[in-house]
Protein backbone atom coordinates (compact mmCIF):
# COMPACT_ATOMS: atom_id res chain seq x y z
CA MET A 1 137.82 147.32 93.53
CA ASP A 2 136.85 145.39 90.46
CA ALA A 3 133.62 145.71 88.46
CA ARG A 4 132.83 143.16 85.76
CA LYS A 5 130.60 140.36 84.55
CA LEU A 6 130.76 137.10 86.49
CA GLY A 7 128.57 134.32 85.17
CA PRO A 8 125.14 135.57 84.03
CA LEU A 9 125.00 138.39 86.59
CA GLY A 10 126.82 141.65 86.61
CA VAL A 11 129.12 141.93 89.63
CA ARG A 12 129.49 145.61 90.35
CA THR A 13 132.37 145.28 92.78
CA ILE A 14 134.64 142.69 94.24
CA VAL A 15 136.34 144.07 97.33
CA LYS A 16 139.33 142.24 98.73
CA THR A 17 140.02 143.17 102.30
CA THR A 18 142.80 142.32 104.71
CA GLY A 19 140.40 142.57 107.63
CA THR A 20 141.38 143.66 111.11
CA THR A 21 141.39 140.27 112.80
CA SER A 22 143.75 137.38 112.30
CA LYS A 23 143.08 134.51 109.92
CA LYS A 24 142.74 131.07 111.48
CA ALA A 25 145.64 128.81 110.62
CA GLY A 26 144.77 126.14 108.08
CA VAL A 27 141.33 127.61 107.30
CA ALA A 28 140.43 128.68 103.76
CA PRO A 29 139.59 132.37 103.31
CA LEU A 30 136.02 133.59 103.15
CA THR A 31 134.18 135.04 100.17
CA VAL A 32 131.08 136.92 101.36
CA VAL A 33 128.46 137.35 98.63
CA LEU A 34 125.88 140.01 99.53
CA ASN A 35 122.84 140.67 97.33
CA HIS A 36 121.18 144.08 97.33
CA GLY A 37 117.48 144.70 97.86
CA TYR A 38 114.60 145.56 95.57
CA GLY A 39 114.88 148.92 93.85
CA ALA A 40 118.53 149.46 94.75
CA PRO A 41 121.53 149.71 92.40
CA GLY A 42 124.03 146.89 92.13
CA ASP A 43 126.60 148.66 94.30
CA ASP A 44 124.15 149.55 97.09
CA LEU A 45 125.82 147.42 99.78
CA VAL A 46 129.47 148.00 98.85
CA ALA A 47 130.14 150.28 101.82
CA MET A 48 129.46 147.33 104.12
CA ALA A 49 132.81 145.83 103.18
CA GLY A 50 134.61 148.65 104.93
CA GLY A 51 132.38 148.56 108.01
CA ILE A 52 132.57 144.87 108.88
CA ASP A 53 135.41 143.53 111.01
CA ALA A 54 135.96 140.51 108.76
CA PRO A 55 138.71 137.92 109.05
CA THR A 56 141.98 138.63 107.27
CA GLY A 57 141.79 137.81 103.57
CA THR A 58 138.02 138.03 103.27
CA THR A 59 136.66 138.97 99.84
CA PHE A 60 133.29 140.71 99.49
CA VAL A 61 131.30 140.26 96.28
CA PHE A 62 128.20 142.29 95.37
CA PRO A 63 126.13 140.79 92.53
CA GLU A 64 123.83 142.99 90.50
CA ALA A 65 120.22 141.78 90.25
CA PRO A 66 119.18 140.79 86.71
CA LEU A 67 116.14 143.06 86.24
CA THR A 68 116.21 146.79 85.72
CA LEU A 69 113.35 148.90 87.10
CA SER A 70 114.48 152.15 85.53
CA THR A 71 111.84 152.40 82.83
CA PRO A 72 109.43 155.25 81.98
CA SER A 73 106.51 153.29 83.45
CA MET A 74 108.17 152.58 86.81
CA PRO A 75 108.55 155.17 89.61
CA PHE A 76 112.24 154.53 90.23
CA HIS A 77 115.25 156.73 89.70
CA GLY A 78 118.78 155.82 88.76
CA ASP A 79 119.94 152.25 88.25
CA ALA A 80 117.18 150.58 90.28
CA ARG A 81 117.21 146.79 89.99
CA ALA A 82 115.32 143.72 91.24
CA TRP A 83 115.75 139.97 91.56
CA TRP A 84 112.14 139.47 90.49
CA PRO A 85 109.14 141.77 89.99
CA ILE A 86 107.03 142.72 93.00
CA ASP A 87 103.34 143.53 92.78
CA ILE A 88 103.60 146.54 95.06
CA GLY A 89 99.84 147.19 95.05
CA ARG A 90 99.08 143.64 96.17
CA TYR A 91 101.73 143.88 98.85
CA GLU A 92 100.38 147.16 100.19
CA ARG A 93 96.85 145.72 100.29
CA ALA A 94 98.08 142.70 102.25
CA ILE A 95 99.71 145.00 104.81
CA ARG A 96 96.56 147.11 105.20
CA GLN A 97 94.28 144.07 105.45
CA GLY A 98 96.54 142.13 107.81
CA THR A 99 96.86 139.21 105.38
CA ILE A 100 100.57 139.44 104.67
CA GLU A 101 101.07 135.98 106.17
CA ASP A 102 99.39 134.63 103.04
CA LEU A 103 102.36 135.84 101.03
CA MET A 104 104.58 133.34 102.86
CA LYS A 105 103.08 130.65 100.63
CA ASP A 106 103.99 132.49 97.45
CA GLU A 107 106.76 131.50 95.09
CA PRO A 108 107.16 134.77 93.19
CA GLU A 109 107.24 134.66 89.42
CA GLY A 110 110.84 135.18 88.44
CA MET A 111 112.37 133.65 91.58
CA ALA A 112 113.39 130.47 89.74
CA SER A 113 115.27 132.33 87.03
CA ALA A 114 116.93 134.58 89.62
CA ARG A 115 118.00 131.50 91.56
CA GLU A 116 119.50 129.92 88.44
CA ALA A 117 121.40 133.11 87.63
CA LEU A 118 122.78 133.44 91.15
CA VAL A 119 123.79 129.76 91.28
CA ALA A 120 125.60 130.09 87.94
CA THR A 121 127.37 133.20 89.23
CA LEU A 122 128.45 131.35 92.37
CA ASP A 123 129.76 128.53 90.16
CA ALA A 124 131.82 131.06 88.19
CA LEU A 125 133.08 132.64 91.40
CA GLU A 126 134.19 129.28 92.78
CA LYS A 127 136.13 128.55 89.57
CA GLU A 128 137.82 131.92 89.86
CA THR A 129 138.69 131.50 93.55
CA PRO A 130 139.01 127.74 94.16
CA GLY A 131 139.09 126.63 97.77
CA THR A 132 137.32 129.67 99.16
CA ARG A 133 134.51 129.27 101.70
CA ILE A 134 131.39 131.07 100.51
CA VAL A 135 129.04 132.95 102.82
CA LEU A 136 125.86 133.85 100.94
CA GLY A 137 123.46 136.57 102.03
CA GLY A 138 121.88 139.89 101.35
CA PHE A 139 119.44 142.56 102.41
CA SER A 140 115.64 142.41 101.98
CA GLN A 141 114.86 140.84 98.58
CA GLY A 142 118.57 140.05 98.25
CA SER A 143 118.39 137.97 101.42
CA MET A 144 115.33 136.16 100.06
CA ILE A 145 117.14 134.94 96.94
CA ALA A 146 120.11 133.95 99.12
CA THR A 147 117.82 131.94 101.42
CA ASP A 148 116.15 130.38 98.39
CA VAL A 149 119.50 129.18 97.05
CA ALA A 150 120.53 127.88 100.48
CA LEU A 151 117.33 125.90 101.05
CA ARG A 152 116.73 124.66 97.51
CA THR A 153 120.21 123.61 96.47
CA LYS A 154 122.87 121.44 98.04
CA ARG A 155 125.88 123.63 97.28
CA PRO A 156 128.31 123.93 100.21
CA LEU A 157 128.01 127.16 102.16
CA ALA A 158 130.06 128.36 105.10
CA GLY A 159 127.18 130.54 106.23
CA LEU A 160 123.95 132.33 105.34
CA VAL A 161 123.24 136.00 106.12
CA ILE A 162 119.60 137.18 106.22
CA LEU A 163 119.35 140.94 106.76
CA SER A 164 115.72 142.09 107.03
CA GLY A 165 114.41 139.13 105.05
CA THR A 166 111.23 137.10 105.24
CA LEU A 167 109.69 133.69 104.65
CA LEU A 168 108.57 132.88 101.10
CA ALA A 169 107.81 129.69 99.17
CA ALA A 170 107.09 127.98 102.50
CA SER A 171 106.18 124.65 100.91
CA GLU A 172 109.72 124.49 99.48
CA TRP A 173 111.80 126.34 102.04
CA LEU A 174 110.55 124.60 105.17
CA PRO A 175 111.27 121.04 103.94
CA GLY A 176 114.65 122.26 102.68
CA ILE A 177 115.72 123.22 106.19
CA ALA A 178 116.16 119.56 107.14
CA SER A 179 118.87 119.14 104.50
CA ARG A 180 120.85 122.05 105.92
CA GLN A 181 121.35 120.88 109.49
CA GLY A 182 124.47 122.48 110.91
CA LEU A 183 124.45 125.44 108.54
CA ARG A 184 125.47 128.64 110.34
CA VAL A 185 122.97 131.50 109.86
CA PHE A 186 123.05 135.14 110.92
CA GLN A 187 119.66 136.88 110.80
CA SER A 188 118.72 140.43 111.79
CA HIS A 189 115.44 142.33 111.67
CA GLY A 190 113.97 145.61 112.87
CA LYS A 191 111.18 145.32 115.40
CA ASP A 192 109.29 148.14 113.66
CA ASP A 193 109.93 147.09 110.07
CA PRO A 194 107.01 148.52 108.03
CA ILE A 195 107.85 146.52 104.91
CA LEU A 196 108.63 142.96 106.03
CA PRO A 197 106.96 142.14 109.36
CA PHE A 198 109.16 141.27 112.32
CA ALA A 199 106.86 138.39 113.34
CA ILE A 200 107.39 136.57 110.05
CA ALA A 201 111.16 136.93 110.37
CA GLN A 202 110.83 135.32 113.80
CA LEU A 203 108.84 132.45 112.25
CA LEU A 204 111.63 131.82 109.76
CA HIS A 205 114.22 131.85 112.54
CA ARG A 206 112.27 129.42 114.71
CA ALA A 207 111.73 127.07 111.77
CA MET A 208 115.47 127.02 111.12
CA VAL A 209 116.38 126.37 114.74
CA ASP A 210 113.74 123.64 115.06
CA GLY A 211 115.13 122.06 111.87
CA GLY A 212 118.69 121.84 113.16
CA ILE A 213 120.19 124.98 111.62
CA GLU A 214 122.56 126.95 113.86
CA SER A 215 120.81 130.30 113.51
CA SER A 216 121.40 133.46 115.53
CA PHE A 217 118.75 136.17 115.46
CA LEU A 218 119.49 139.82 116.16
CA PRO A 219 116.40 142.00 116.71
CA PHE A 220 116.95 145.74 116.77
CA ASP A 221 114.91 148.84 117.49
CA GLY A 222 114.07 150.35 114.14
CA GLY A 223 112.71 149.66 110.70
CA HIS A 224 113.95 148.24 107.42
CA GLY A 225 117.69 148.75 107.49
CA ILE A 226 121.18 147.72 108.59
CA PRO A 227 122.17 149.64 111.74
CA PRO A 228 125.71 149.63 113.21
CA MET A 229 124.91 146.88 115.72
CA VAL A 230 124.08 144.53 112.82
CA MET A 231 127.43 145.31 111.17
CA ARG A 232 129.19 144.64 114.49
CA ASP A 233 127.51 141.29 115.11
CA LEU A 234 127.86 140.22 111.47
CA GLY A 235 131.61 140.71 111.81
CA ALA A 236 131.62 138.54 114.93
CA PHE A 237 129.60 135.90 113.08
CA LEU A 238 132.12 135.78 110.23
CA ASN A 239 135.04 135.53 112.65
CA HIS A 240 133.49 132.57 114.49
CA LEU A 241 132.70 130.45 111.45
CA PRO A 242 134.51 127.11 111.65
């Protein structure tokens, strides 16, 4: 494993794996970039690399979000990080009052700078590994910034992975779907997710399908997490990318 700086973001680990399935002849290898969620350390998702049955030669990259939350005024422990700040009190009120759908219209302050940093890091990664096919994704807030990059830029992507994500910046994301027709998407979400409602994840999935994106949606019994069945189906998704 390799931990270093790549572009403007810290990349905690780059994991090169041989995979357990055969590589398709004449097809460039995959680089799977997975962004961690709010309040997690940069290496939070690294164990996923060993649990996914990826194609031979796949490289997993785990960027570290640009903001640290480990300050005396914040109730986090260890190297907690974020892609942008979250007003937790406002979010909790929206859940209690049943108005969380209103947050779908939000473009969070700090999302633009996080997008720029992630795009620059992807540019650096592509220079380092020319010819690779990039799959971009993440968990929770990490999947949101991945979706934002996918729907608001035109950079080539082999796939998009949305693990327990949600719909944000609807006025920008929904029109952006039309420019991504044919993009392969893997999305999963817990039916009892107490943090990001299942119904909004379904709205995002339906909007993608209606807009011509080849999106698969895996619901699972449970909350805000990545259970084994998601790892299994994500591996199948990666192996069936063209």
